[in-house]
C-alpha atoms as a PDB file:
ATOM      1  CA  MET A   1     125.821 101.533 115.963  1.00  0.00           C
ATOM      2  CA  ALA A   2     128.794 100.911 113.714  1.00  0.00           C
ATOM      3  CA  LYS A   3     130.066 103.648 111.420  1.00  0.00           C
ATOM      4  CA  ALA A   4     128.582 101.809 108.426  1.00  0.00           C
ATOM      5  CA  ASP A   5     125.177 101.824 110.128  1.00  0.00           C
ATOM      6  CA  LEU A   6     125.462 105.555 110.810  1.00  0.00           C
ATOM      7  CA  GLU A   7     126.366 106.124 107.166  1.00  0.00           C
ATOM      8  CA  MET A   8     123.295 104.100 106.130  1.00  0.00           C
ATOM      9  CA  ALA A   9     121.113 106.276 108.381  1.00  0.00           C
ATOM     10  CA  LEU A  10     122.582 109.393 106.756  1.00  0.00           C
ATOM     11  CA  VAL A  11     121.966 108.023 103.257  1.00  0.00           C
ATOM     12  CA  LYS A  12     118.374 107.140 104.203  1.00  0.00           C
ATOM     13  CA  ALA A  13     117.867 110.630 105.633  1.00  0.00           C
ATOM     14  CA  GLN A  14     119.191 112.213 102.436  1.00  0.00           C
ATOM     15  CA  GLY A  15     116.910 109.959 100.394  1.00  0.00           C
ATOM     16  CA  ARG A  16     113.965 110.750 102.705  1.00  0.00           C
ATOM     17  CA  SER A  17     113.391 107.109 103.570  1.00  0.00           C
ATOM     18  CA  PRO A  18     111.778 106.058 106.853  1.00  0.00           C
ATOM     19  CA  LEU A  19     114.287 105.550 109.652  1.00  0.00           C
ATOM     20  CA  THR A  20     114.308 102.709 112.146  1.00  0.00           C
ATOM     21  CA  SER A  21     114.285 103.544 115.831  1.00  0.00           C
ATOM     22  CA  GLU A  22     118.010 102.757 116.103  1.00  0.00           C
ATOM     23  CA  GLU A  23     118.835 105.021 113.164  1.00  0.00           C
ATOM     24  CA  MET A  24     116.652 107.754 114.618  1.00  0.00           C
ATOM     25  CA  LEU A  25     118.438 107.566 117.970  1.00  0.00           C
ATOM     26  CA  GLU A  26     121.802 107.721 116.229  1.00  0.00           C
ATOM     27  CA  LEU A  27     120.822 110.795 114.211  1.00  0.00           C
ATOM     28  CA  LEU A  28     119.504 112.555 117.316  1.00  0.00           C
ATOM     29  CA  GLY A  29     123.081 112.602 118.639  1.00  0.00           C
ATOM     30  CA  ILE A  30     124.504 114.414 115.600  1.00  0.00           C
ATOM     31  CA  ASP A  31     124.515 118.159 114.962  1.00  0.00           C
ATOM     32  CA  ILE A  32     124.905 120.086 111.731  1.00  0.00           C
ATOM     33  CA  GLY A  33     128.584 120.839 112.426  1.00  0.00           C
ATOM     34  CA  THR A  34     129.413 117.136 112.756  1.00  0.00           C
ATOM     35  CA  LEU A  35     127.665 116.402 109.491  1.00  0.00           C
ATOM     36  CA  ILE A  36     129.723 119.053 107.710  1.00  0.00           C
ATOM     37  CA  THR A  37     133.113 118.290 109.280  1.00  0.00           C
ATOM     38  CA  GLU A  38     133.081 114.524 109.821  1.00  0.00           C
ATOM     39  CA  HIS A  39     130.772 113.334 107.058  1.00  0.00           C
ATOM     40  CA  ASP A  40     131.890 115.663 104.227  1.00  0.00           C
ATOM     41  CA  MET A  41     128.471 117.196 103.614  1.00  0.00           C
ATOM     42  CA  ASP A  42     127.874 120.696 102.389  1.00  0.00           C
ATOM     43  CA  LEU A  43     125.505 123.017 104.240  1.00  0.00           C
ATOM     44  CA  TYR A  44     122.514 122.148 102.054  1.00  0.00           C
ATOM     45  CA  GLN A  45     122.974 118.378 102.542  1.00  0.00           C
ATOM     46  CA  ALA A  46     123.422 118.797 106.287  1.00  0.00           C
ATOM     47  CA  GLU A  47     120.285 120.941 106.523  1.00  0.00           C
ATOM     48  CA  GLU A  48     118.340 118.305 104.559  1.00  0.00           C
ATOM     49  CA  VAL A  49     119.454 115.588 106.991  1.00  0.00           C
ATOM     50  CA  MET A  50     118.491 117.762 109.957  1.00  0.00           C
ATOM     51  CA  MET A  51     115.099 118.519 108.365  1.00  0.00           C
ATOM     52  CA  TRP A  52     114.470 114.817 107.735  1.00  0.00           C
ATOM     53  CA  ARG A  53     115.559 113.992 111.292  1.00  0.00           C
ATOM     54  CA  LYS A  54     112.937 116.440 112.592  1.00  0.00           C
ATOM     55  CA  HIS A  55     110.310 114.987 110.249  1.00  0.00           C
ATOM     56  CA  GLU A  56     111.057 111.446 111.398  1.00  0.00           C
ATOM     57  CA  ALA A  57     111.057 112.496 115.064  1.00  0.00           C
ATOM     58  CA  LEU A  58     107.549 113.901 114.585  1.00  0.00           C
ATOM     59  CA  ARG A  59     106.478 110.758 112.737  1.00  0.00           C
ATOM     60  CA  TRP A  60     107.829 108.520 115.492  1.00  0.00           C
ATOM     61  CA  THR A  61     106.128 110.645 118.155  1.00  0.00           C
ATOM     62  CA  ALA A  62     102.789 110.419 116.370  1.00  0.00           C
ATOM     63  CA  GLN A  63     103.198 106.690 115.751  1.00  0.00           C
ATOM     64  CA  LEU A  64     104.036 105.959 119.377  1.00  0.00           C
ATOM     65  CA  THR A  65     101.140 108.127 120.524  1.00  0.00           C
ATOM     66  CA  SER A  66      98.695 106.322 118.241  1.00  0.00           C
ATOM     67  CA  PHE A  67     100.093 102.839 118.771  1.00  0.00           C
ATOM     68  CA  PRO A  68     101.845 102.627 122.161  1.00  0.00           C
ATOM     69  CA  GLU A  69     102.024  98.850 121.836  1.00  0.00           C
ATOM     70  CA  PRO A  70     103.684  97.356 118.757  1.00  0.00           C
ATOM     71  CA  ILE A  71     101.229  96.057 116.207  1.00  0.00           C
ATOM     72  CA  GLN A  72     101.531  92.332 115.639  1.00  0.00           C
ATOM     73  CA  GLU A  73     101.883  91.764 111.925  1.00  0.00           C
ATOM     74  CA  SER A  74     100.671  88.495 110.513  1.00  0.00           C
ATOM     75  CA  LYS A  75      99.869  87.367 107.006  1.00  0.00           C
ATOM     76  CA  LYS A  76      97.291  84.970 108.458  1.00  0.00           C
ATOM     77  CA  LEU A  77      95.155  87.757 109.909  1.00  0.00           C
ATOM     78  CA  SER A  78      91.562  87.356 108.791  1.00  0.00           C
ATOM     79  CA  ILE A  79      89.302  90.258 107.863  1.00  0.00           C
ATOM     80  CA  GLY A  80      87.198  89.638 110.962  1.00  0.00           C
ATOM     81  CA  ALA A  81      90.280  89.705 113.204  1.00  0.00           C
ATOM     82  CA  LEU A  82      91.500  92.867 111.491  1.00  0.00           C
ATOM     83  CA  ASN A  83      88.125  94.567 111.995  1.00  0.00           C
ATOM     84  CA  LYS A  84      88.146  93.503 115.633  1.00  0.00           C
ATOM     85  CA  MET A  85      91.647  94.971 116.049  1.00  0.00           C
ATOM     86  CA  ILE A  86      90.641  98.227 114.347  1.00  0.00           C
ATOM     87  CA  LEU A  87      87.422  98.600 116.316  1.00  0.00           C
ATOM     88  CA  GLY A  88      89.137  97.626 119.560  1.00  0.00           C
ATOM     89  CA  GLY A  89      86.993  94.546 120.050  1.00  0.00           C
ATOM     90  CA  LYS A  90      83.742  96.557 120.024  1.00  0.00           C
ATOM     91  CA  LYS A  91      80.596  95.111 118.552  1.00  0.00           C
ATOM     92  CA  VAL A  92      78.982  96.784 115.589  1.00  0.00           C
ATOM     93  CA  ILE A  93      77.137  99.901 116.744  1.00  0.00           C
ATOM     94  CA  LYS A  94      73.391  99.794 116.139  1.00  0.00           C
ATOM     95  CA  GLU A  95      71.300 102.917 116.064  1.00  0.00           C
ATOM     96  CA  SER A  96      68.745 103.052 118.821  1.00  0.00           C
ATOM     97  CA  THR A  97      65.879 103.205 116.314  1.00  0.00           C
ATOM     98  CA  GLY A  98      66.966 100.457 113.933  1.00  0.00           C
ATOM     99  CA  ALA A  99      68.539  97.049 113.622  1.00  0.00           C
ATOM    100  CA  GLY A 100      70.564  97.494 110.446  1.00  0.00           C
ATOM    101  CA  GLY A 101      73.915  97.743 112.230  1.00  0.00           C
ATOM    102  CA  LEU A 102      76.475 100.509 112.045  1.00  0.00           C
ATOM    103  CA  GLY A 103      73.813 103.114 112.730  1.00  0.00           C
ATOM    104  CA  ILE A 104      71.880 102.314 109.581  1.00  0.00           C
ATOM    105  CA  GLN A 105      68.352 100.984 109.533  1.00  0.00           C
ATOM    106  CA  ALA A 106      68.802  99.070 106.286  1.00  0.00           C
ATOM    107  CA  GLY A 107      71.218  98.594 103.424  1.00  0.00           C
ATOM    108  CA  GLY A 108      74.593  99.027 105.120  1.00  0.00           C
ATOM    109  CA  ASP A 109      76.249 102.433 105.190  1.00  0.00           C
ATOM    110  CA  SER A 110      76.260 102.852 101.419  1.00  0.00           C
ATOM    111  CA  GLY A 111      73.461 105.377 101.068  1.00  0.00           C
ATOM    112  CA  PRO A 112      72.379 108.745 102.417  1.00  0.00           C
ATOM    113  CA  ARG A 113      70.330 109.064 105.603  1.00  0.00           C
ATOM    114  CA  MET A 114      67.718 111.612 106.562  1.00  0.00           C
ATOM    115  CA  ILE A 115      68.079 113.474 109.842  1.00  0.00           C
ATOM    116  CA  VAL A 116      65.976 116.064 111.639  1.00  0.00           C
ATOM    117  CA  VAL A 117      68.017 119.040 112.803  1.00  0.00           C
ATOM    118  CA  ASP A 118      67.111 121.535 115.515  1.00  0.00           C
ATOM    119  CA  TRP A 119      68.690 124.711 114.083  1.00  0.00           C
ATOM    120  CA  ASP A 120      69.440 127.874 116.046  1.00  0.00           C
ATOM    121  CA  ASP A 121      68.397 129.905 112.998  1.00  0.00           C
ATOM    122  CA  ASP A 122      66.854 132.975 114.641  1.00  0.00           C
ATOM    123  CA  GLY A 123      63.554 132.337 112.877  1.00  0.00           C
ATOM    124  CA  ALA A 124      65.069 132.102 109.377  1.00  0.00           C
ATOM    125  CA  GLY A 125      62.981 129.020 108.660  1.00  0.00           C
ATOM    126  CA  ILE A 126      65.695 126.554 107.636  1.00  0.00           C
ATOM    127  CA  ASP A 127      64.245 123.162 106.714  1.00  0.00           C
ATOM    128  CA  PRO A 128      64.845 120.795 109.656  1.00  0.00           C
ATOM    129  CA  LEU A 129      64.903 117.733 107.369  1.00  0.00           C
ATOM    130  CA  VAL A 130      68.440 117.211 106.019  1.00  0.00           C
ATOM    131  CA  GLU A 131      69.850 114.429 103.861  1.00  0.00           C
ATOM    132  CA  LEU A 132      73.156 113.286 105.330  1.00  0.00           C
ATOM    133  CA  HIS A 133      75.667 112.372 102.609  1.00  0.00           C
ATOM    134  CA  PRO A 134      76.842 108.705 102.531  1.00  0.00           C
ATOM    135  CA  ASP A 135      80.393 109.800 103.419  1.00  0.00           C
ATOM    136  CA  ALA A 136      79.083 111.603 106.498  1.00  0.00           C
ATOM    137  CA  VAL A 137      77.089 108.498 107.475  1.00  0.00           C
ATOM    138  CA  HIS A 138      80.227 106.401 107.068  1.00  0.00           C
ATOM    139  CA  ASP A 139      82.219 108.872 109.183  1.00  0.00           C
ATOM    140  CA  TRP A 140      79.511 108.809 111.864  1.00  0.00           C
ATOM    141  CA  ASN A 141      79.705 105.005 111.952  1.00  0.00           C
ATOM    142  CA  LEU A 142      83.489 105.021 112.205  1.00  0.00           C
ATOM    143  CA  ILE A 143      83.585 107.625 114.970  1.00  0.00           C
ATOM    144  CA  ALA A 144      80.744 105.926 116.867  1.00  0.00           C
ATOM    145  CA  ALA A 145      82.579 102.606 116.711  1.00  0.00           C
ATOM    146  CA  THR A 146      85.914 104.018 117.832  1.00  0.00           C
ATOM    147  CA  GLU A 147      85.079 106.979 120.082  1.00  0.00           C
ATOM    148  CA  GLY A 148      81.412 106.603 120.980  1.00  0.00           C
ATOM    149  CA  GLU A 149      78.087 107.911 119.737  1.00  0.00           C
ATOM    150  CA  ASP A 150      78.365 111.238 121.582  1.00  0.00           C
ATOM    151  CA  GLU A 151      81.579 112.101 119.691  1.00  0.00           C
ATOM    152  CA  ALA A 152      80.006 110.976 116.408  1.00  0.00           C
ATOM    153  CA  ASN A 153      76.928 113.129 117.038  1.00  0.00           C
ATOM    154  CA  TYR A 154      79.156 116.093 117.875  1.00  0.00           C
ATOM    155  CA  ALA A 155      81.158 115.596 114.643  1.00  0.00           C
ATOM    156  CA  VAL A 156      77.971 115.609 112.549  1.00  0.00           C
ATOM    157  CA  ALA A 157      76.672 118.707 114.354  1.00  0.00           C
ATOM    158  CA  GLU A 158      79.975 120.499 113.682  1.00  0.00           C
ATOM    159  CA  MET A 159      79.889 119.481 110.020  1.00  0.00           C
ATOM    160  CA  LEU A 160      76.312 120.733 109.659  1.00  0.00           C
ATOM    161  CA  SER A 161      77.177 124.038 111.358  1.00  0.00           C
ATOM    162  CA  ASP A 162      80.160 124.530 109.044  1.00  0.00           C
ATOM    163  CA  GLU A 163      78.145 123.682 105.925  1.00  0.00           C
ATOM    164  CA  MET A 164      75.042 125.735 106.727  1.00  0.00           C
ATOM    165  CA  GLY A 165      76.473 128.555 108.800  1.00  0.00           C
ATOM    166  CA  TRP A 166      73.913 128.055 111.588  1.00  0.00           C
ATOM    167  CA  LEU A 167      74.387 126.590 115.043  1.00  0.00           C
ATOM    168  CA  VAL A 168      72.966 123.086 115.543  1.00  0.00           C
ATOM    169  CA  ASN A 169      71.129 122.685 118.857  1.00  0.00           C
ATOM    170  CA  GLY A 170      70.705 118.963 118.245  1.00  0.00           C
ATOM    171  CA  TRP A 171      69.740 116.364 115.664  1.00  0.00           C
ATOM    172  CA  GLU A 172      68.314 112.857 115.411  1.00  0.00           C
ATOM    173  CA  TRP A 173      67.981 110.117 112.805  1.00  0.00           C
ATOM    174  CA  GLN A 174      64.772 110.193 110.742  1.00  0.00           C
END
């Protein structure tokens, strides 16, 4: 990288702007002493650059973990193609008891759903019939489509345990 490019990376780091991979690699080779002596920064500015470098390194690590292959950007991408890319080419998940798609018997995932929960309540008599909030239904659909129904069922069981304070032995759609 030319000196002007390094200076641009430093300015972007001070302004907390996202760094390109080349800028990130260049900043990884600089220490706080170099910033102070060769780039006329005071200690506070140098610490800010180092903090932003760490932040961007974590962002790049997470991005490369989530998307190991570069995402192809296109303005001609249709909604159907985008959904297929997001869902990894999977078909819409249908609940075993219904044909409404996305785990819903009817009406899309816009409304609440009733479930029957097997509580480990030590005889406290908690009602087994629970109305699952529309957001939880949506989350179940998303997790089922991306990670599988077992993970989605586990997520709902964890949410119910957290909300009610009782262990969930199992649950099923009403």
